[in-house]
C-alpha cells in the first residue's frame, strides 16, 4: 500500500470513530474528542465530514483547564441524520 493510500485509510477510520463517538455521547469538546477517539487532528477531520454533508454543529465555548484557567474550545455535535448519497452519483 502506498503512503497516500495509507493516509486516506487512516483518515476514514478517524472520521468513523468521531461520528460513532458523537452518536453515542452527544456534544463533545475538541480536546475530549482527540483524547477519546485518538484522533490527532479533530478540526481537520470534522471539516472533512462537514464538506461531505454530515450535519455537524459547531459551538464555541470555554473549558476549565487543570490549572484553573479558561480555554476557548469548539464543541461538536450531530444535528441530524447521516447524509444520503446522491441517486445518480453513488458515493
PDB file of N, CA and C in Angstrom:
ATOM      1  N   UNK A   1       0.851  -1.177   0.000  1.00  0.00           N
ATOM      2  CA  UNK A   1       0.000   0.000   0.000  1.00  0.00           C
ATOM      3  C   UNK A   1       0.893   1.236   0.000  1.00  0.00           C
ATOM      4  N   UNK A   2       0.601   2.158  -0.893  1.00  0.00           N
ATOM      5  CA  UNK A   2       1.383   3.389  -0.958  1.00  0.00           C
ATOM      6  C   UNK A   2       1.027   4.305   0.197  1.00  0.00           C
ATOM      7  N   UNK A   3       1.926   5.239   0.471  1.00  0.00           N
ATOM      8  CA  UNK A   3       1.772   6.135   1.619  1.00  0.00           C
ATOM      9  C   UNK A   3       0.468   6.938   1.540  1.00  0.00           C
ATOM     10  N   UNK A   4       0.155   7.479   0.359  1.00  0.00           N
ATOM     11  CA  UNK A   4      -1.065   8.287   0.216  1.00  0.00           C
ATOM     12  C   UNK A   4      -2.314   7.448   0.465  1.00  0.00           C
ATOM     13  N   UNK A   5      -2.310   6.201   0.015  1.00  0.00           N
ATOM     14  CA  UNK A   5      -3.456   5.321   0.256  1.00  0.00           C
ATOM     15  C   UNK A   5      -3.595   5.037   1.743  1.00  0.00           C
ATOM     16  N   UNK A   6      -2.482   4.817   2.410  1.00  0.00           N
ATOM     17  CA  UNK A   6      -2.496   4.530   3.842  1.00  0.00           C
ATOM     18  C   UNK A   6      -3.062   5.713   4.623  1.00  0.00           C
ATOM     19  N   UNK A   7      -2.623   6.936   4.273  1.00  0.00           N
ATOM     20  CA  UNK A   7      -3.128   8.125   4.965  1.00  0.00           C
ATOM     21  C   UNK A   7      -4.632   8.272   4.758  1.00  0.00           C
ATOM     22  N   UNK A   8      -5.099   7.985   3.545  1.00  0.00           N
ATOM     23  CA  UNK A   8      -6.536   8.067   3.269  1.00  0.00           C
ATOM     24  C   UNK A   8      -7.320   7.070   4.099  1.00  0.00           C
ATOM     25  N   UNK A   9      -6.781   5.872   4.274  1.00  0.00           N
ATOM     26  CA  UNK A   9      -7.446   4.854   5.092  1.00  0.00           C
ATOM     27  C   UNK A   9      -7.498   5.299   6.546  1.00  0.00           C
ATOM     28  N   UNK A  10      -6.424   5.878   7.031  1.00  0.00           N
ATOM     29  CA  UNK A  10      -6.394   6.362   8.417  1.00  0.00           C
ATOM     30  C   UNK A  10      -7.421   7.470   8.627  1.00  0.00           C
ATOM     31  N   UNK A  11      -7.501   8.375   7.665  1.00  0.00           N
ATOM     32  CA  UNK A  11      -8.463   9.471   7.790  1.00  0.00           C
ATOM     33  C   UNK A  11      -9.890   8.957   7.829  1.00  0.00           C
ATOM     34  N   UNK A  12     -10.189   7.962   7.009  1.00  0.00           N
ATOM     35  CA  UNK A  12     -11.557   7.445   7.001  1.00  0.00           C
ATOM     36  C   UNK A  12     -11.873   6.738   8.322  1.00  0.00           C
ATOM     37  N   UNK A  13     -10.899   6.064   8.907  1.00  0.00           N
ATOM     38  CA  UNK A  13     -11.111   5.440  10.216  1.00  0.00           C
ATOM     39  C   UNK A  13     -11.274   6.503  11.300  1.00  0.00           C
ATOM     40  N   UNK A  14     -10.487   7.571  11.209  1.00  0.00           N
ATOM     41  CA  UNK A  14     -10.619   8.682  12.158  1.00  0.00           C
ATOM     42  C   UNK A  14     -12.020   9.272  12.093  1.00  0.00           C
ATOM     43  N   UNK A  15     -12.502   9.509  10.871  1.00  0.00           N
ATOM     44  CA  UNK A  15     -13.844  10.098  10.716  1.00  0.00           C
ATOM     45  C   UNK A  15     -14.916   9.163  11.256  1.00  0.00           C
ATOM     46  N   UNK A  16     -14.760   7.867  11.011  1.00  0.00           N
ATOM     47  CA  UNK A  16     -15.741   6.896  11.516  1.00  0.00           C
ATOM     48  C   UNK A  16     -15.756   6.877  13.041  1.00  0.00           C
ATOM     49  N   UNK A  17     -14.584   6.951  13.670  1.00  0.00           N
ATOM     50  CA  UNK A  17     -14.531   6.976  15.138  1.00  0.00           C
ATOM     51  C   UNK A  17     -15.189   8.234  15.695  1.00  0.00           C
ATOM     52  N   UNK A  18     -14.954   9.376  15.044  1.00  0.00           N
ATOM     53  CA  UNK A  18     -15.559  10.623  15.514  1.00  0.00           C
ATOM     54  C   UNK A  18     -17.085  10.572  15.418  1.00  0.00           C
ATOM     55  N   UNK A  19     -17.614  10.099  14.280  1.00  0.00           N
ATOM     56  CA  UNK A  19     -19.070  10.006  14.111  1.00  0.00           C
ATOM     57  C   UNK A  19     -19.663   9.050  15.139  1.00  0.00           C
ATOM     58  N   UNK A  20     -19.016   7.910  15.348  1.00  0.00           N
ATOM     59  CA  UNK A  20     -19.525   6.936  16.326  1.00  0.00           C
ATOM     60  C   UNK A  20     -19.549   7.539  17.723  1.00  0.00           C
ATOM     61  N   UNK A  21     -18.525   8.290  18.080  1.00  0.00           N
ATOM     62  CA  UNK A  21     -18.472   8.915  19.412  1.00  0.00           C
ATOM     63  C   UNK A  21     -19.586   9.941  19.561  1.00  0.00           C
ATOM     64  N   UNK A  22     -19.764  10.799  18.551  1.00  0.00           N
ATOM     65  CA  UNK A  22     -20.800  11.827  18.641  1.00  0.00           C
ATOM     66  C   UNK A  22     -22.195  11.217  18.701  1.00  0.00           C
ATOM     67  N   UNK A  23     -22.416  10.116  17.983  1.00  0.00           N
ATOM     68  CA  UNK A  23     -23.720   9.434  18.054  1.00  0.00           C
ATOM     69  C   UNK A  23     -23.976   8.909  19.458  1.00  0.00           C
ATOM     70  N   UNK A  24     -22.951   8.373  20.087  1.00  0.00           N
ATOM     71  CA  UNK A  24     -23.114   7.742  21.398  1.00  0.00           C
ATOM     72  C   UNK A  24     -23.118   8.735  22.551  1.00  0.00           C
ATOM     73  N   UNK A  25     -22.396   9.846  22.423  1.00  0.00           N
ATOM     74  CA  UNK A  25     -22.189  10.733  23.571  1.00  0.00           C
ATOM     75  C   UNK A  25     -22.706  12.152  23.407  1.00  0.00           C
ATOM     76  N   UNK A  26     -23.137  12.534  22.233  1.00  0.00           N
ATOM     77  CA  UNK A  26     -23.665  13.883  22.044  1.00  0.00           C
ATOM     78  C   UNK A  26     -22.573  14.931  21.962  1.00  0.00           C
ATOM     79  N   UNK A  27     -22.913  16.189  22.264  1.00  0.00           N
ATOM     80  CA  UNK A  27     -21.952  17.286  22.131  1.00  0.00           C
ATOM     81  C   UNK A  27     -20.679  17.018  22.942  1.00  0.00           C
ATOM     82  N   UNK A  28     -19.533  17.196  22.278  1.00  0.00           N
ATOM     83  CA  UNK A  28     -18.238  16.903  22.904  1.00  0.00           C
ATOM     84  C   UNK A  28     -17.226  17.951  22.464  1.00  0.00           C
ATOM     85  N   UNK A  29     -16.336  18.323  23.364  1.00  0.00           N
ATOM     86  CA  UNK A  29     -15.312  19.315  23.045  1.00  0.00           C
ATOM     87  C   UNK A  29     -14.233  18.712  22.151  1.00  0.00           C
ATOM     88  N   UNK A  30     -13.539  19.579  21.453  1.00  0.00           N
ATOM     89  CA  UNK A  30     -12.468  19.144  20.556  1.00  0.00           C
ATOM     90  C   UNK A  30     -11.370  18.380  21.312  1.00  0.00           C
ATOM     91  N   UNK A  31     -10.862  18.874  22.456  1.00  0.00           N
ATOM     92  CA  UNK A  31      -9.839  18.108  23.177  1.00  0.00           C
ATOM     93  C   UNK A  31     -10.351  16.751  23.666  1.00  0.00           C
ATOM     94  N   UNK A  32     -11.606  16.684  24.084  1.00  0.00           N
ATOM     95  CA  UNK A  32     -12.166  15.415  24.548  1.00  0.00           C
ATOM     96  C   UNK A  32     -12.279  14.414  23.396  1.00  0.00           C
ATOM     97  N   UNK A  33     -12.652  14.893  22.206  1.00  0.00           N
ATOM     98  CA  UNK A  33     -12.713  14.018  21.032  1.00  0.00           C
ATOM     99  C   UNK A  33     -11.324  13.510  20.660  1.00  0.00           C
ATOM    100  N   UNK A  34     -10.334  14.392  20.708  1.00  0.00           N
ATOM    101  CA  UNK A  34      -8.965  13.987  20.381  1.00  0.00           C
ATOM    102  C   UNK A  34      -8.495  12.882  21.324  1.00  0.00           C
ATOM    103  N   UNK A  35      -8.810  13.029  22.602  1.00  0.00           N
ATOM    104  CA  UNK A  35      -8.383  12.039  23.593  1.00  0.00           C
ATOM    105  C   UNK A  35      -9.186  10.739  23.479  1.00  0.00           C
ATOM    106  N   UNK A  36     -10.498  10.849  23.417  1.00  0.00           N
ATOM    107  CA  UNK A  36     -11.361   9.665  23.428  1.00  0.00           C
ATOM    108  C   UNK A  36     -11.245   8.845  22.144  1.00  0.00           C
ATOM    109  N   UNK A  37     -11.084   9.527  20.999  1.00  0.00           N
ATOM    110  CA  UNK A  37     -11.069   8.826  19.715  1.00  0.00           C
ATOM    111  C   UNK A  37      -9.661   8.604  19.174  1.00  0.00           C
ATOM    112  N   UNK A  38      -8.657   9.125  19.867  1.00  0.00           N
ATOM    113  CA  UNK A  38      -7.264   9.002  19.438  1.00  0.00           C
ATOM    114  C   UNK A  38      -7.083   9.549  18.025  1.00  0.00           C
ATOM    115  N   UNK A  39      -7.620  10.759  17.821  1.00  0.00           N
ATOM    116  CA  UNK A  39      -7.523  11.444  16.534  1.00  0.00           C
ATOM    117  C   UNK A  39      -6.725  12.724  16.759  1.00  0.00           C
ATOM    118  N   UNK A  40      -5.526  12.820  16.172  1.00  0.00           N
ATOM    119  CA  UNK A  40      -4.680  13.984  16.442  1.00  0.00           C
ATOM    120  C   UNK A  40      -5.179  15.292  15.831  1.00  0.00           C
ATOM    121  N   UNK A  41      -5.914  15.246  14.733  1.00  0.00           N
ATOM    122  CA  UNK A  41      -6.362  16.470  14.066  1.00  0.00           C
ATOM    123  C   UNK A  41      -7.884  16.478  13.927  1.00  0.00           C
ATOM    124  N   UNK A  42      -8.549  16.670  15.043  1.00  0.00           N
ATOM    125  CA  UNK A  42     -10.019  16.635  15.081  1.00  0.00           C
ATOM    126  C   UNK A  42     -10.625  17.713  14.185  1.00  0.00           C
ATOM    127  N   UNK A  43     -10.085  18.914  14.234  1.00  0.00           N
ATOM    128  CA  UNK A  43     -10.642  20.020  13.451  1.00  0.00           C
ATOM    129  C   UNK A  43     -10.623  19.706  11.959  1.00  0.00           C
ATOM    130  N   UNK A  44      -9.519  19.149  11.478  1.00  0.00           N
ATOM    131  CA  UNK A  44      -9.422  18.799  10.057  1.00  0.00           C
ATOM    132  C   UNK A  44     -10.418  17.710   9.678  1.00  0.00           C
ATOM    133  N   UNK A  45     -10.513  16.672  10.506  1.00  0.00           N
ATOM    134  CA  UNK A  45     -11.451  15.582  10.202  1.00  0.00           C
ATOM    135  C   UNK A  45     -12.892  16.080  10.248  1.00  0.00           C
ATOM    136  N   UNK A  46     -13.215  16.948  11.196  1.00  0.00           N
ATOM    137  CA  UNK A  46     -14.581  17.482  11.278  1.00  0.00           C
ATOM    138  C   UNK A  46     -14.898  18.344  10.055  1.00  0.00           C
ATOM    139  N   UNK A  47     -13.941  19.127   9.610  1.00  0.00           N
ATOM    140  CA  UNK A  47     -14.147  19.939   8.409  1.00  0.00           C
ATOM    141  C   UNK A  47     -14.415  19.045   7.202  1.00  0.00           C
ATOM    142  N   UNK A  48     -13.684  17.935   7.097  1.00  0.00           N
ATOM    143  CA  UNK A  48     -13.915  16.995   6.008  1.00  0.00           C
ATOM    144  C   UNK A  48     -15.323  16.402   6.082  1.00  0.00           C
ATOM    145  N   UNK A  49     -15.756  16.029   7.283  1.00  0.00           N
ATOM    146  CA  UNK A  49     -17.102  15.461   7.448  1.00  0.00           C
ATOM    147  C   UNK A  49     -18.181  16.480   7.074  1.00  0.00           C
ATOM    148  N   UNK A  50     -17.991  17.726   7.464  1.00  0.00           N
ATOM    149  CA  UNK A  50     -18.962  18.777   7.140  1.00  0.00           C
ATOM    150  C   UNK A  50     -19.015  18.981   5.628  1.00  0.00           C
ATOM    151  N   UNK A  51     -17.850  18.964   4.964  1.00  0.00           N
ATOM    152  CA  UNK A  51     -17.827  19.095   3.499  1.00  0.00           C
ATOM    153  C   UNK A  51     -18.516  17.920   2.815  1.00  0.00           C
ATOM    154  N   UNK A  52     -18.471  16.733   3.439  1.00  0.00           N
ATOM    155  CA  UNK A  52     -19.138  15.555   2.890  1.00  0.00           C
ATOM    156  C   UNK A  52     -20.650  15.583   3.103  1.00  0.00           C
ATOM    157  N   UNK A  53     -21.137  16.544   3.886  1.00  0.00           N
ATOM    158  CA  UNK A  53     -22.569  16.683   4.079  1.00  0.00           C
ATOM    159  C   UNK A  53     -23.092  16.221   5.430  1.00  0.00           C
ATOM    160  N   UNK A  54     -22.212  15.814   6.339  1.00  0.00           N
ATOM    161  CA  UNK A  54     -22.669  15.396   7.659  1.00  0.00           C
ATOM    162  C   UNK A  54     -23.214  16.604   8.415  1.00  0.00           C
ATOM    163  N   UNK A  55     -24.356  16.461   9.083  1.00  0.00           N
ATOM    164  CA  UNK A  55     -24.957  17.577   9.825  1.00  0.00           C
ATOM    165  C   UNK A  55     -24.288  17.733  11.191  1.00  0.00           C
ATOM    166  N   UNK A  56     -23.163  18.403  11.190  1.00  0.00           N
ATOM    167  CA  UNK A  56     -22.386  18.591  12.425  1.00  0.00           C
ATOM    168  C   UNK A  56     -22.435  20.063  12.790  1.00  0.00           C
ATOM    169  N   UNK A  57     -22.884  20.319  14.021  1.00  0.00           N
ATOM    170  CA  UNK A  57     -22.932  21.677  14.518  1.00  0.00           C
ATOM    171  C   UNK A  57     -21.686  21.995  15.322  1.00  0.00           C
ATOM    172  N   UNK A  58     -21.265  23.258  15.242  1.00  0.00           N
ATOM    173  CA  UNK A  58     -20.099  23.722  15.995  1.00  0.00           C
ATOM    174  C   UNK A  58     -20.538  24.830  16.939  1.00  0.00           C
ATOM    175  N   UNK A  59     -20.111  24.703  18.171  1.00  0.00           N
ATOM    176  CA  UNK A  59     -20.424  25.711  19.185  1.00  0.00           C
ATOM    177  C   UNK A  59     -19.123  26.121  19.852  1.00  0.00           C
ATOM    178  N   UNK A  60     -18.849  27.416  19.909  1.00  0.00           N
ATOM    179  CA  UNK A  60     -17.663  27.911  20.609  1.00  0.00           C
ATOM    180  C   UNK A  60     -17.989  28.022  22.089  1.00  0.00           C
ATOM    181  N   UNK A  61     -17.062  27.571  22.896  1.00  0.00           N
ATOM    182  CA  UNK A  61     -17.263  27.633  24.335  1.00  0.00           C
ATOM    183  C   UNK A  61     -15.940  27.694  25.065  1.00  0.00           C
ATOM    184  N   UNK A  62     -15.992  27.507  26.354  1.00  0.00           N
ATOM    185  CA  UNK A  62     -14.792  27.538  27.189  1.00  0.00           C
ATOM    186  C   UNK A  62     -14.753  26.311  28.088  1.00  0.00           C
ATOM    187  N   UNK A  63     -13.533  25.848  28.344  1.00  0.00           N
ATOM    188  CA  UNK A  63     -13.292  24.741  29.267  1.00  0.00           C
ATOM    189  C   UNK A  63     -12.358  25.208  30.359  1.00  0.00           C
ATOM    190  N   UNK A  64     -12.533  24.653  31.529  1.00  0.00           N
ATOM    191  CA  UNK A  64     -11.635  24.944  32.634  1.00  0.00           C
ATOM    192  C   UNK A  64     -10.474  23.950  32.570  1.00  0.00           C
ATOM    193  N   UNK A  65      -9.242  24.452  32.507  1.00  0.00           N
ATOM    194  CA  UNK A  65      -8.073  23.578  32.425  1.00  0.00           C
ATOM    195  C   UNK A  65      -7.720  23.036  33.804  1.00  0.00           C
ATOM    196  N   UNK A  66      -6.764  22.112  33.836  1.00  0.00           N
ATOM    197  CA  UNK A  66      -6.330  21.537  35.114  1.00  0.00           C
ATOM    198  C   UNK A  66      -5.709  22.586  36.030  1.00  0.00           C
ATOM    199  N   UNK A  67      -5.144  23.643  35.443  1.00  0.00           N
ATOM    200  CA  UNK A  67      -4.511  24.712  36.227  1.00  0.00           C
ATOM    201  C   UNK A  67      -5.496  25.781  36.679  1.00  0.00           C
ATOM    202  N   UNK A  68      -6.749  25.628  36.299  1.00  0.00           N
ATOM    203  CA  UNK A  68      -7.770  26.576  36.730  1.00  0.00           C
ATOM    204  C   UNK A  68      -7.999  27.738  35.784  1.00  0.00           C
ATOM    205  N   UNK A  69      -7.379  27.719  34.630  1.00  0.00           N
ATOM    206  CA  UNK A  69      -7.567  28.787  33.646  1.00  0.00           C
ATOM    207  C   UNK A  69      -8.651  28.371  32.648  1.00  0.00           C
ATOM    208  N   UNK A  70      -9.251  29.361  32.002  1.00  0.00           N
ATOM    209  CA  UNK A  70     -10.264  29.083  30.988  1.00  0.00           C
ATOM    210  C   UNK A  70      -9.607  29.005  29.623  1.00  0.00           C
ATOM    211  N   UNK A  71     -10.048  28.073  28.812  1.00  0.00           N
ATOM    212  CA  UNK A  71      -9.515  27.877  27.469  1.00  0.00           C
ATOM    213  C   UNK A  71     -10.663  27.835  26.477  1.00  0.00           C
ATOM    214  N   UNK A  72     -10.533  28.594  25.374  1.00  0.00           N
ATOM    215  CA  UNK A  72     -11.552  28.550  24.315  1.00  0.00           C
ATOM    216  C   UNK A  72     -11.452  27.223  23.586  1.00  0.00           C
ATOM    217  N   UNK A  73     -12.601  26.663  23.265  1.00  0.00           N
ATOM    218  CA  UNK A  73     -12.622  25.411  22.513  1.00  0.00           C
ATOM    219  C   UNK A  73     -13.901  25.334  21.695  1.00  0.00           C
ATOM    220  N   UNK A  74     -13.921  24.391  20.782  1.00  0.00           N
ATOM    221  CA  UNK A  74     -15.099  24.145  19.960  1.00  0.00           C
ATOM    222  C   UNK A  74     -15.754  22.845  20.402  1.00  0.00           C
ATOM    223  N   UNK A  75     -17.066  22.877  20.544  1.00  0.00           N
ATOM    224  CA  UNK A  75     -17.842  21.681  20.844  1.00  0.00           C
ATOM    225  C   UNK A  75     -18.534  21.262  19.555  1.00  0.00           C
ATOM    226  N   UNK A  76     -18.512  19.965  19.264  1.00  0.00           N
ATOM    227  CA  UNK A  76     -19.148  19.416  18.068  1.00  0.00           C
ATOM    228  C   UNK A  76     -20.310  18.536  18.468  1.00  0.00           C
ATOM    229  N   UNK A  77     -21.358  18.546  17.618  1.00  0.00           N
ATOM    230  CA  UNK A  77     -22.494  17.658  17.848  1.00  0.00           C
ATOM    231  C   UNK A  77     -23.162  17.324  16.514  1.00  0.00           C
ATOM    232  N   UNK A  78     -23.735  16.122  16.451  1.00  0.00           N
ATOM    233  CA  UNK A  78     -24.534  15.749  15.291  1.00  0.00           C
ATOM    234  C   UNK A  78     -25.895  16.410  15.436  1.00  0.00           C
ATOM    235  N   UNK A  79     -26.344  17.072  14.380  1.00  0.00           N
ATOM    236  CA  UNK A  79     -27.612  17.797  14.466  1.00  0.00           C
ATOM    237  C   UNK A  79     -28.715  17.175  13.623  1.00  0.00           C
ATOM    238  N   UNK A  80     -28.427  16.037  12.985  1.00  0.00           N
ATOM    239  CA  UNK A  80     -29.431  15.392  12.152  1.00  0.00           C
ATOM    240  C   UNK A  80     -28.967  14.025  11.702  1.00  0.00           C
ATOM    241  N   UNK A  81     -29.722  13.402  10.803  1.00  0.00           N
ATOM    242  CA  UNK A  81     -29.346  12.067  10.317  1.00  0.00           C
ATOM    243  C   UNK A  81     -28.157  12.138   9.355  1.00  0.00           C
ATOM    244  N   UNK A  82     -27.605  10.975   9.051  1.00  0.00           N
ATOM    245  CA  UNK A  82     -26.475  10.876   8.127  1.00  0.00           C
ATOM    246  C   UNK A  82     -26.876  11.370   6.749  1.00  0.00           C
ATOM    247  N   UNK A  83     -25.915  11.906   5.998  1.00  0.00           N
ATOM    248  CA  UNK A  83     -26.252  12.378   4.650  1.00  0.00           C
ATOM    249  C   UNK A  83     -26.634  11.217   3.739  1.00  0.00           C
ATOM    250  N   UNK A  84     -27.555  11.467   2.831  1.00  0.00           N
ATOM    251  CA  UNK A  84     -27.984  10.443   1.884  1.00  0.00           C
ATOM    252  C   UNK A  84     -27.185  10.607   0.597  1.00  0.00           C
ATOM    253  N   UNK A  85     -26.701   9.502   0.063  1.00  0.00           N
ATOM    254  CA  UNK A  85     -25.942   9.538  -1.183  1.00  0.00           C
ATOM    255  C   UNK A  85     -26.845   9.987  -2.330  1.00  0.00           C
ATOM    256  N   UNK A  86     -26.242  10.628  -3.293  1.00  0.00           N
ATOM    257  CA  UNK A  86     -26.962  11.080  -4.491  1.00  0.00           C
ATOM    258  C   UNK A  86     -27.406   9.853  -5.287  1.00  0.00           C
ATOM    259  N   UNK A  87     -28.636   9.861  -5.787  1.00  0.00           N
ATOM    260  CA  UNK A  87     -29.159   8.723  -6.528  1.00  0.00           C
ATOM    261  C   UNK A  87     -28.414   8.469  -7.832  1.00  0.00           C
ATOM    262  N   UNK A  88     -27.897   9.534  -8.456  1.00  0.00           N
ATOM    263  CA  UNK A  88     -27.248   9.381  -9.756  1.00  0.00           C
ATOM    264  C   UNK A  88     -25.736   9.293  -9.649  1.00  0.00           C
ATOM    265  N   UNK A  89     -25.173   9.725  -8.538  1.00  0.00           N
ATOM    266  CA  UNK A  89     -23.722   9.671  -8.328  1.00  0.00           C
ATOM    267  C   UNK A  89     -23.458   8.984  -6.992  1.00  0.00           C
ATOM    268  N   UNK A  90     -23.446   7.655  -6.973  1.00  0.00           N
ATOM    269  CA  UNK A  90     -23.263   6.961  -5.700  1.00  0.00           C
ATOM    270  C   UNK A  90     -21.912   7.274  -5.070  1.00  0.00           C
ATOM    271  N   UNK A  91     -21.893   7.369  -3.769  1.00  0.00           N
ATOM    272  CA  UNK A  91     -20.665   7.708  -3.047  1.00  0.00           C
ATOM    273  C   UNK A  91     -19.725   6.540  -2.987  1.00  0.00           C
TER     274      UNK A  91
END
